[in-house]
């Protein structure tokens, strides 16, 4: 196992550093807060996750700023999106508007 202290920003690293996030509703917002701290210390190459973590990972992969991600997560009614027939288009709009 590689220690994170060996992967800090500015240090040479072998391979890529992935941030893996699990699901759980409000955890998506918690990830934003954690990333505010982590961004000063680590440079992630890959973002992956499930459920709420996947939504956050997709935003990060699209290089959306953390403040914008927080706003999107706080102001989007995800429950109503699941009932929408136009769900694929709505998801695309999150990244293009």
N, C-alpha and C. Protein backbone atom coordinates (compact mmCIF):
# COMPACT_ATOMS: atom_id res chain seq x y z
N UNK A 1 0.84 -1.18 0.00
CA UNK A 1 0.00 0.00 0.00
C UNK A 1 0.89 1.25 0.00
N UNK A 2 0.52 2.23 -0.80
CA UNK A 2 1.28 3.47 -0.88
C UNK A 2 0.68 4.47 0.09
N UNK A 3 1.51 5.10 0.88
CA UNK A 3 1.03 6.10 1.83
C UNK A 3 0.73 7.41 1.10
N UNK A 4 -0.36 8.06 1.47
CA UNK A 4 -0.74 9.32 0.84
C UNK A 4 0.32 10.39 1.05
N UNK A 5 1.05 10.33 2.14
CA UNK A 5 2.07 11.35 2.38
C UNK A 5 3.14 11.34 1.29
N UNK A 6 3.28 10.23 0.60
CA UNK A 6 4.25 10.15 -0.49
C UNK A 6 3.68 10.69 -1.80
N UNK A 7 2.40 11.03 -1.80
CA UNK A 7 1.74 11.50 -3.02
C UNK A 7 1.36 12.96 -2.96
N UNK A 8 1.90 13.68 -2.05
CA UNK A 8 1.55 15.10 -1.91
C UNK A 8 1.93 15.88 -3.17
N UNK A 9 1.26 16.99 -3.36
CA UNK A 9 1.54 17.87 -4.50
C UNK A 9 3.01 18.22 -4.54
N UNK A 10 3.55 18.27 -5.73
CA UNK A 10 4.94 18.67 -5.90
C UNK A 10 5.92 17.52 -5.79
N UNK A 11 5.51 16.40 -5.25
CA UNK A 11 6.39 15.24 -5.15
C UNK A 11 6.15 14.35 -6.36
N UNK A 12 7.21 13.69 -6.80
CA UNK A 12 7.06 12.76 -7.91
C UNK A 12 6.26 11.56 -7.45
N UNK A 13 5.39 11.11 -8.32
CA UNK A 13 4.60 9.93 -8.00
C UNK A 13 4.61 8.97 -9.18
N UNK A 14 4.48 7.71 -8.87
CA UNK A 14 4.41 6.70 -9.90
C UNK A 14 2.95 6.37 -10.13
N UNK A 15 2.56 6.32 -11.37
CA UNK A 15 1.17 6.00 -11.67
C UNK A 15 0.25 7.18 -11.47
N UNK A 16 -1.02 6.88 -11.38
CA UNK A 16 -2.04 7.91 -11.23
C UNK A 16 -2.67 7.81 -9.84
N UNK A 17 -3.14 8.94 -9.36
CA UNK A 17 -3.79 9.01 -8.05
C UNK A 17 -5.29 9.17 -8.26
N UNK A 18 -6.07 8.21 -7.75
CA UNK A 18 -7.52 8.24 -7.91
C UNK A 18 -8.20 8.61 -6.60
N UNK A 19 -9.26 9.39 -6.71
CA UNK A 19 -10.11 9.68 -5.57
C UNK A 19 -11.38 8.85 -5.76
N UNK A 20 -11.66 7.96 -4.81
CA UNK A 20 -12.82 7.07 -4.89
C UNK A 20 -13.83 7.53 -3.84
N UNK A 21 -15.06 7.79 -4.30
CA UNK A 21 -16.10 8.29 -3.41
C UNK A 21 -17.30 7.35 -3.44
N UNK A 22 -17.82 7.02 -2.26
CA UNK A 22 -18.98 6.13 -2.22
C UNK A 22 -20.27 6.95 -2.20
N UNK A 23 -21.36 6.25 -2.26
CA UNK A 23 -22.66 6.91 -2.31
C UNK A 23 -23.21 7.21 -0.93
N UNK A 24 -24.36 7.84 -0.93
CA UNK A 24 -25.03 8.13 0.33
C UNK A 24 -25.61 9.52 0.40
N UNK A 25 -26.31 9.94 -0.63
CA UNK A 25 -27.04 11.20 -0.59
C UNK A 25 -26.21 12.42 -0.24
N UNK A 26 -26.29 12.85 1.00
CA UNK A 26 -25.66 14.09 1.43
C UNK A 26 -24.13 14.00 1.37
N UNK A 27 -23.58 12.81 1.23
CA UNK A 27 -22.12 12.69 1.13
C UNK A 27 -21.58 13.47 -0.06
N UNK A 28 -22.39 13.65 -1.09
CA UNK A 28 -21.94 14.44 -2.23
C UNK A 28 -21.50 15.83 -1.80
N UNK A 29 -22.27 16.45 -0.90
CA UNK A 29 -21.90 17.77 -0.37
C UNK A 29 -20.69 17.67 0.54
N UNK A 30 -20.62 16.59 1.30
CA UNK A 30 -19.47 16.42 2.20
C UNK A 30 -18.18 16.29 1.40
N UNK A 31 -18.26 15.65 0.24
CA UNK A 31 -17.08 15.52 -0.60
C UNK A 31 -16.56 16.88 -1.05
N UNK A 32 -17.47 17.79 -1.32
CA UNK A 32 -17.05 19.13 -1.75
C UNK A 32 -16.23 19.80 -0.64
N UNK A 33 -16.70 19.70 0.59
CA UNK A 33 -15.96 20.27 1.71
C UNK A 33 -14.60 19.61 1.90
N UNK A 34 -14.57 18.30 1.78
CA UNK A 34 -13.31 17.57 1.93
C UNK A 34 -12.34 17.94 0.81
N UNK A 35 -12.86 18.10 -0.38
CA UNK A 35 -12.00 18.45 -1.52
C UNK A 35 -11.41 19.85 -1.40
N UNK A 36 -12.13 20.74 -0.74
CA UNK A 36 -11.59 22.08 -0.50
C UNK A 36 -10.27 21.98 0.26
N UNK A 37 -10.19 21.05 1.18
CA UNK A 37 -8.96 20.84 1.97
C UNK A 37 -7.94 20.04 1.17
N UNK A 38 -8.39 18.96 0.55
CA UNK A 38 -7.49 18.06 -0.17
C UNK A 38 -6.80 18.71 -1.37
N UNK A 39 -7.48 19.64 -2.03
CA UNK A 39 -6.93 20.23 -3.26
C UNK A 39 -5.61 20.97 -3.01
N UNK A 40 -5.39 21.41 -1.79
CA UNK A 40 -4.15 22.10 -1.47
C UNK A 40 -2.99 21.14 -1.20
N UNK A 41 -3.32 19.87 -1.07
CA UNK A 41 -2.30 18.89 -0.70
C UNK A 41 -2.10 17.77 -1.72
N UNK A 42 -3.14 17.49 -2.50
CA UNK A 42 -3.07 16.38 -3.45
C UNK A 42 -3.58 16.81 -4.81
N UNK A 43 -3.06 16.15 -5.82
CA UNK A 43 -3.50 16.38 -7.19
C UNK A 43 -4.01 15.05 -7.74
N UNK A 44 -5.33 14.92 -7.82
CA UNK A 44 -5.92 13.66 -8.28
C UNK A 44 -5.98 13.63 -9.80
N UNK A 45 -5.73 12.45 -10.34
CA UNK A 45 -5.78 12.25 -11.79
C UNK A 45 -7.10 11.65 -12.24
N UNK A 46 -7.73 10.89 -11.34
CA UNK A 46 -8.94 10.14 -11.68
C UNK A 46 -9.95 10.32 -10.55
N UNK A 47 -11.21 10.48 -10.93
CA UNK A 47 -12.30 10.57 -9.95
C UNK A 47 -13.31 9.48 -10.26
N UNK A 48 -13.67 8.67 -9.28
CA UNK A 48 -14.66 7.62 -9.46
C UNK A 48 -15.57 7.57 -8.25
N UNK A 49 -16.76 7.02 -8.44
CA UNK A 49 -17.66 6.91 -7.31
C UNK A 49 -18.92 6.17 -7.67
N UNK A 50 -19.74 5.92 -6.66
CA UNK A 50 -21.05 5.32 -6.85
C UNK A 50 -22.09 6.27 -6.30
N UNK A 51 -23.24 6.30 -6.93
CA UNK A 51 -24.37 7.10 -6.47
C UNK A 51 -23.96 8.57 -6.29
N UNK A 52 -24.08 9.13 -5.09
CA UNK A 52 -23.72 10.54 -4.88
C UNK A 52 -22.25 10.77 -5.20
N UNK A 53 -21.41 9.80 -4.93
CA UNK A 53 -19.99 9.91 -5.26
C UNK A 53 -19.76 9.97 -6.76
N UNK A 54 -20.58 9.23 -7.52
CA UNK A 54 -20.46 9.24 -8.98
C UNK A 54 -20.87 10.59 -9.56
N UNK A 55 -21.90 11.19 -8.97
CA UNK A 55 -22.33 12.51 -9.43
C UNK A 55 -21.20 13.52 -9.19
N UNK A 56 -20.63 13.49 -8.00
CA UNK A 56 -19.52 14.40 -7.69
C UNK A 56 -18.33 14.11 -8.57
N UNK A 57 -18.03 12.83 -8.80
CA UNK A 57 -16.90 12.44 -9.65
C UNK A 57 -17.10 12.95 -11.08
N UNK A 58 -18.33 12.86 -11.58
CA UNK A 58 -18.61 13.35 -12.93
C UNK A 58 -18.38 14.85 -13.03
N UNK A 59 -18.83 15.59 -12.03
CA UNK A 59 -18.59 17.04 -12.03
C UNK A 59 -17.11 17.36 -11.98
N UNK A 60 -16.37 16.64 -11.13
CA UNK A 60 -14.92 16.87 -11.03
C UNK A 60 -14.22 16.51 -12.33
N UNK A 61 -14.64 15.40 -12.94
CA UNK A 61 -14.06 14.99 -14.21
C UNK A 61 -14.32 16.00 -15.32
N UNK A 62 -15.45 16.70 -15.21
CA UNK A 62 -15.79 17.74 -16.19
C UNK A 62 -15.12 19.06 -15.85
N UNK A 63 -14.28 19.04 -14.81
CA UNK A 63 -13.52 20.22 -14.36
C UNK A 63 -14.40 21.39 -13.95
N UNK A 64 -15.52 21.06 -13.34
CA UNK A 64 -16.41 22.09 -12.79
C UNK A 64 -15.85 22.53 -11.44
N UNK A 65 -15.82 23.81 -11.20
CA UNK A 65 -15.25 24.35 -9.95
C UNK A 65 -16.04 23.87 -8.75
N UNK A 66 -15.35 23.70 -7.62
CA UNK A 66 -15.98 23.17 -6.41
C UNK A 66 -17.18 24.00 -5.97
N UNK A 67 -17.10 25.31 -6.06
CA UNK A 67 -18.22 26.17 -5.65
C UNK A 67 -19.45 25.90 -6.52
N UNK A 68 -19.23 25.72 -7.81
CA UNK A 68 -20.33 25.42 -8.73
C UNK A 68 -20.92 24.04 -8.43
N UNK A 69 -20.04 23.07 -8.11
CA UNK A 69 -20.52 21.73 -7.75
C UNK A 69 -21.39 21.81 -6.50
N UNK A 70 -20.92 22.56 -5.52
CA UNK A 70 -21.69 22.73 -4.28
C UNK A 70 -23.06 23.34 -4.58
N UNK A 71 -23.08 24.37 -5.40
CA UNK A 71 -24.35 25.02 -5.76
C UNK A 71 -25.28 24.04 -6.46
N UNK A 72 -24.74 23.27 -7.41
CA UNK A 72 -25.55 22.29 -8.13
C UNK A 72 -26.13 21.23 -7.19
N UNK A 73 -25.29 20.72 -6.29
CA UNK A 73 -25.75 19.68 -5.37
C UNK A 73 -26.77 20.21 -4.37
N UNK A 74 -26.58 21.44 -3.93
CA UNK A 74 -27.53 22.02 -2.96
C UNK A 74 -28.88 22.37 -3.61
N UNK A 75 -28.86 22.78 -4.86
CA UNK A 75 -30.06 23.34 -5.48
C UNK A 75 -30.77 22.42 -6.47
N UNK A 76 -30.27 21.21 -6.66
CA UNK A 76 -30.91 20.29 -7.59
C UNK A 76 -31.80 19.33 -6.82
N UNK A 77 -33.03 19.20 -7.25
CA UNK A 77 -33.96 18.26 -6.63
C UNK A 77 -33.80 16.92 -7.34
N UNK A 78 -32.88 16.10 -6.84
CA UNK A 78 -32.55 14.84 -7.50
C UNK A 78 -33.73 13.86 -7.48
N UNK A 79 -34.55 13.92 -6.46
CA UNK A 79 -35.70 13.02 -6.40
C UNK A 79 -36.66 13.26 -7.55
N UNK A 80 -36.89 14.53 -7.87
CA UNK A 80 -37.79 14.83 -8.98
C UNK A 80 -37.16 14.47 -10.33
N UNK A 81 -35.84 14.51 -10.40
CA UNK A 81 -35.18 14.12 -11.65
C UNK A 81 -35.42 12.65 -11.97
N UNK A 82 -35.48 11.82 -10.95
CA UNK A 82 -35.69 10.39 -11.17
C UNK A 82 -37.07 10.10 -11.77
N UNK A 83 -37.99 11.02 -11.58
CA UNK A 83 -39.34 10.85 -12.11
C UNK A 83 -39.48 11.42 -13.52
N UNK A 84 -38.47 12.11 -13.97
CA UNK A 84 -38.51 12.77 -15.28
C UNK A 84 -38.27 11.79 -16.42
N UNK A 85 -39.07 11.90 -17.47
CA UNK A 85 -38.85 11.10 -18.66
C UNK A 85 -37.67 11.64 -19.46
N UNK A 86 -37.36 12.90 -19.26
CA UNK A 86 -36.27 13.53 -20.01
C UNK A 86 -34.95 13.48 -19.23
N UNK A 87 -34.78 12.52 -18.32
CA UNK A 87 -33.62 12.46 -17.44
C UNK A 87 -32.28 12.55 -18.19
N UNK A 88 -32.06 11.78 -19.26
CA UNK A 88 -30.76 11.90 -19.94
C UNK A 88 -30.45 13.32 -20.42
N UNK A 89 -31.45 14.02 -20.95
CA UNK A 89 -31.23 15.38 -21.41
C UNK A 89 -30.97 16.32 -20.24
N UNK A 90 -31.67 16.12 -19.12
CA UNK A 90 -31.45 16.95 -17.94
C UNK A 90 -30.04 16.78 -17.40
N UNK A 91 -29.55 15.55 -17.41
CA UNK A 91 -28.18 15.31 -16.94
C UNK A 91 -27.19 16.01 -17.85
N UNK A 92 -27.40 15.91 -19.14
CA UNK A 92 -26.53 16.60 -20.09
C UNK A 92 -26.54 18.10 -19.86
N UNK A 93 -27.70 18.67 -19.55
CA UNK A 93 -27.81 20.09 -19.31
C UNK A 93 -27.01 20.54 -18.09
N UNK A 94 -26.84 19.66 -17.10
CA UNK A 94 -26.02 20.02 -15.93
C UNK A 94 -24.60 20.37 -16.35
N UNK A 95 -24.12 19.74 -17.42
CA UNK A 95 -22.74 19.94 -17.85
C UNK A 95 -22.58 20.98 -18.95
N UNK A 96 -23.67 21.35 -19.58
CA UNK A 96 -23.56 22.26 -20.72
C UNK A 96 -24.12 23.65 -20.44
N UNK A 97 -24.76 23.84 -19.33
CA UNK A 97 -25.33 25.16 -19.03
C UNK A 97 -24.61 25.80 -17.88
